[in-house]
């Protein structure tokens, strides 16, 4: 069961964060920076995103309870949100939105806080990734082993983003325009299926509660 949980968590967060899709945006927001400066931006962005996702993974459920929101309702809402993100990925709307956010950040912050915005928030630790982390933490049901496994998965996904940032130049040349489009749409279809599963799980949990 632990292996299945880890697989589900890894796939969910990977397709939600979409590390390969962040490569061209990273290149855009760090334009004009040296290799060392880009490495510093990458480290800061990864550290901030990991911290945000880890916090929501551990206290997200408590926050929901304080607000009077059931985990089942959040599963359904989160599933719908993830499905919307999947829709954007399949129909190439997400890349345009991410690029728009990145361009705004360059204009407003003049690169000084580019690691925090837009790389860490909202491109890495955005609403979709936060939602997925809370849902996965709820699926762990307080099991310390699964909770630590989820934390390790979050670290692994953030680490993959760091590797993508460091290899952004080579990755962009390797994928090309066609490769990036195909990969993004494939990940979008997978995410859509996972999103539907979240909704089904939430509806079934509400159904059991009614009975």
Protein backbone atom coordinates (compact mmCIF):
# COMPACT_ATOMS: atom_id res chain seq x y z
CA UNK A 1 0.00 0.00 0.00
CA UNK A 2 2.89 2.35 0.73
CA UNK A 3 4.31 1.73 -2.74
CA UNK A 4 0.95 2.55 -4.35
CA UNK A 5 0.66 5.72 -2.28
CA UNK A 6 4.16 6.85 -3.26
CA UNK A 7 3.50 6.13 -6.94
CA UNK A 8 0.23 8.06 -6.86
CA UNK A 9 1.79 10.99 -4.99
CA UNK A 10 4.79 11.14 -7.31
CA UNK A 11 2.73 11.07 -10.50
CA UNK A 12 0.21 13.58 -9.17
CA UNK A 13 2.79 16.15 -8.08
CA UNK A 14 5.00 15.66 -11.12
CA UNK A 15 2.21 16.30 -13.59
CA UNK A 16 0.82 19.16 -11.47
CA UNK A 17 4.12 21.00 -11.04
CA UNK A 18 5.26 19.99 -14.56
CA UNK A 19 9.06 20.50 -14.14
CA UNK A 20 9.90 20.19 -17.87
CA UNK A 21 7.33 22.88 -18.68
CA UNK A 22 9.09 25.29 -16.31
CA UNK A 23 12.38 25.17 -18.23
CA UNK A 24 11.56 27.78 -20.91
CA UNK A 25 9.97 30.08 -18.32
CA UNK A 26 13.04 29.79 -16.09
CA UNK A 27 15.19 30.82 -19.03
CA UNK A 28 12.90 33.78 -19.68
CA UNK A 29 12.80 35.16 -16.13
CA UNK A 30 16.55 34.73 -15.64
CA UNK A 31 17.47 36.31 -18.96
CA UNK A 32 20.73 38.20 -18.69
CA UNK A 33 21.87 36.42 -15.51
CA UNK A 34 25.15 34.56 -15.24
CA UNK A 35 25.31 30.81 -14.66
CA UNK A 36 26.07 31.36 -10.96
CA UNK A 37 23.16 33.77 -10.54
CA UNK A 38 20.81 31.32 -12.22
CA UNK A 39 21.99 28.58 -9.84
CA UNK A 40 21.21 30.82 -6.85
CA UNK A 41 17.76 31.60 -8.21
CA UNK A 42 17.12 27.89 -8.74
CA UNK A 43 18.10 27.00 -5.16
CA UNK A 44 15.96 29.76 -3.64
CA UNK A 45 12.93 28.89 -5.75
CA UNK A 46 13.15 25.19 -4.87
CA UNK A 47 13.63 25.89 -1.15
CA UNK A 48 10.65 28.25 -1.00
CA UNK A 49 8.38 25.91 -2.95
CA UNK A 50 9.38 22.91 -0.81
CA UNK A 51 8.68 24.86 2.39
CA UNK A 52 5.22 25.92 1.20
CA UNK A 53 4.18 22.44 0.06
CA UNK A 54 5.58 20.78 3.19
CA UNK A 55 3.67 23.16 5.48
CA UNK A 56 0.41 22.61 3.64
CA UNK A 57 1.02 18.87 3.66
CA UNK A 58 1.24 18.80 7.47
CA UNK A 59 -1.22 21.49 8.57
CA UNK A 60 -3.51 21.80 5.58
CA UNK A 61 -6.06 19.38 7.04
CA UNK A 62 -6.11 21.25 10.37
CA UNK A 63 -6.77 24.50 8.53
CA UNK A 64 -9.67 22.88 6.67
CA UNK A 65 -11.18 21.65 9.92
CA UNK A 66 -10.85 25.09 11.47
CA UNK A 67 -12.78 26.49 8.51
CA UNK A 68 -15.42 23.77 8.76
CA UNK A 69 -14.56 22.20 5.41
CA UNK A 70 -14.66 18.42 5.14
CA UNK A 71 -11.84 16.57 3.40
CA UNK A 72 -14.39 14.98 1.07
CA UNK A 73 -15.60 18.41 -0.07
CA UNK A 74 -12.02 19.54 -0.53
CA UNK A 75 -11.26 16.40 -2.55
CA UNK A 76 -14.08 17.26 -4.93
CA UNK A 77 -13.10 20.93 -5.17
CA UNK A 78 -9.43 20.01 -5.54
CA UNK A 79 -10.24 17.45 -8.20
CA UNK A 80 -12.18 20.04 -10.18
CA UNK A 81 -9.27 22.48 -9.85
CA UNK A 82 -6.77 19.86 -11.00
CA UNK A 83 -9.05 19.01 -13.92
CA UNK A 84 -9.09 22.68 -14.93
CA UNK A 85 -5.28 22.72 -14.86
CA UNK A 86 -5.27 19.53 -16.97
CA UNK A 87 -7.65 21.23 -19.43
CA UNK A 88 -5.26 24.16 -19.71
CA UNK A 89 -2.32 21.83 -20.31
CA UNK A 90 -4.08 19.80 -23.01
CA UNK A 91 -5.32 22.86 -24.88
CA UNK A 92 -2.07 24.82 -24.39
CA UNK A 93 -3.61 27.53 -22.21
CA UNK A 94 -1.39 26.94 -19.16
CA UNK A 95 1.86 27.83 -20.93
CA UNK A 96 0.43 31.18 -22.05
CA UNK A 97 -0.73 31.96 -18.49
CA UNK A 98 2.63 30.98 -16.97
CA UNK A 99 4.48 33.10 -19.50
CA UNK A 100 2.22 36.06 -18.73
CA UNK A 101 2.93 35.69 -14.99
CA UNK A 102 6.64 35.47 -15.65
CA UNK A 103 6.67 38.59 -17.81
CA UNK A 104 4.74 40.53 -15.16
CA UNK A 105 7.23 39.49 -12.49
CA UNK A 106 10.16 40.74 -14.54
CA UNK A 107 8.51 44.13 -14.99
CA UNK A 108 7.50 44.61 -11.35
CA UNK A 109 10.36 43.07 -9.38
CA UNK A 110 13.23 43.63 -11.80
CA UNK A 111 14.54 40.08 -11.20
CA UNK A 112 15.35 40.75 -7.51
CA UNK A 113 12.74 38.35 -6.16
CA UNK A 114 12.27 36.17 -9.22
CA UNK A 115 12.98 33.03 -7.18
CA UNK A 116 9.99 33.71 -4.93
CA UNK A 117 7.72 35.06 -7.65
CA UNK A 118 6.90 33.70 -10.14
CA UNK A 119 9.10 30.57 -9.90
CA UNK A 120 8.26 29.34 -6.39
CA UNK A 121 4.82 30.94 -6.29
CA UNK A 122 2.68 30.33 -8.28
CA UNK A 123 4.55 28.26 -10.89
CA UNK A 124 5.89 25.53 -8.55
CA UNK A 125 3.83 25.81 -5.37
CA UNK A 126 0.68 27.07 -7.01
CA UNK A 127 -2.96 26.33 -6.19
CA UNK A 128 -2.86 23.01 -8.03
CA UNK A 129 0.25 21.71 -6.28
CA UNK A 130 -0.98 22.91 -2.86
CA UNK A 131 -4.35 21.26 -3.44
CA UNK A 132 -2.74 18.01 -4.53
CA UNK A 133 -0.44 17.99 -1.49
CA UNK A 134 -3.33 18.50 0.95
CA UNK A 135 -5.36 15.78 -0.76
CA UNK A 136 -2.45 13.34 -0.66
CA UNK A 137 -1.83 14.17 3.00
CA UNK A 138 -5.48 13.39 3.68
CA UNK A 139 -5.11 10.07 1.91
CA UNK A 140 -2.22 9.26 4.26
CA UNK A 141 -4.71 9.48 7.17
CA UNK A 142 -2.08 10.58 9.67
CA UNK A 143 0.12 7.54 9.07
CA UNK A 144 3.64 8.77 9.96
CA UNK A 145 5.28 6.47 7.41
CA UNK A 146 3.09 7.70 4.55
CA UNK A 147 3.42 11.30 5.75
CA UNK A 148 7.20 11.06 5.64
CA UNK A 149 6.94 9.35 2.25
CA UNK A 150 4.86 12.27 1.00
CA UNK A 151 7.47 14.71 2.31
CA UNK A 152 10.14 12.73 0.45
CA UNK A 153 8.04 12.85 -2.73
CA UNK A 154 7.66 16.63 -2.39
CA UNK A 155 11.43 16.91 -1.96
CA UNK A 156 11.96 14.68 -5.01
CA UNK A 157 9.62 16.75 -7.18
CA UNK A 158 11.25 20.00 -6.05
CA UNK A 159 14.63 18.42 -6.70
CA UNK A 160 13.55 17.52 -10.22
CA UNK A 161 12.62 21.19 -10.75
CA UNK A 162 16.09 22.18 -9.57
CA UNK A 163 17.69 19.78 -12.06
CA UNK A 164 15.47 21.13 -14.83
CA UNK A 165 16.48 24.69 -13.97
CA UNK A 166 20.17 23.79 -14.07
CA UNK A 167 19.75 22.02 -17.40
CA UNK A 168 17.21 24.46 -18.84
CA UNK A 169 19.37 25.49 -21.79
CA UNK A 170 20.06 21.92 -22.91
CA UNK A 171 16.53 20.72 -22.12
CA UNK A 172 14.89 23.42 -24.24
CA UNK A 173 17.13 22.55 -27.19
CA UNK A 174 16.50 18.81 -26.69
CA UNK A 175 12.71 18.95 -26.49
CA UNK A 176 12.15 21.57 -29.13
CA UNK A 177 8.77 23.20 -29.66
CA UNK A 178 7.05 20.00 -30.81
CA UNK A 179 8.48 17.89 -27.99
CA UNK A 180 7.37 20.37 -25.35
CA UNK A 181 3.84 20.51 -26.76
CA UNK A 182 3.53 16.70 -26.90
CA UNK A 183 4.90 16.24 -23.36
CA UNK A 184 2.65 18.92 -21.86
CA UNK A 185 -0.48 17.50 -23.45
CA UNK A 186 0.38 13.95 -22.42
CA UNK A 187 0.87 15.07 -18.82
CA UNK A 188 -2.42 16.95 -19.06
CA UNK A 189 -4.35 13.80 -19.99
CA UNK A 190 -2.78 11.89 -17.08
CA UNK A 191 -3.60 14.71 -14.67
CA UNK A 192 -7.21 14.80 -15.91
CA UNK A 193 -7.62 11.12 -15.06
CA UNK A 194 -6.15 11.66 -11.59
CA UNK A 195 -8.42 14.67 -11.06
CA UNK A 196 -11.50 12.62 -11.90
CA UNK A 197 -10.35 9.99 -9.41
CA UNK A 198 -10.12 12.66 -6.70
CA UNK A 199 -13.72 13.72 -7.43
CA UNK A 200 -14.94 10.10 -7.41
CA UNK A 201 -13.21 9.46 -4.07
CA UNK A 202 -14.80 12.57 -2.58
CA UNK A 203 -18.29 11.69 -3.80
CA UNK A 204 -17.96 8.12 -2.49
CA UNK A 205 -16.79 9.40 0.91
CA UNK A 206 -19.78 11.76 1.15
CA UNK A 207 -22.05 8.89 0.12
CA UNK A 208 -20.70 6.70 2.91
CA UNK A 209 -21.21 9.55 5.38
CA UNK A 210 -24.86 9.98 4.32
CA UNK A 211 -25.56 6.29 4.77
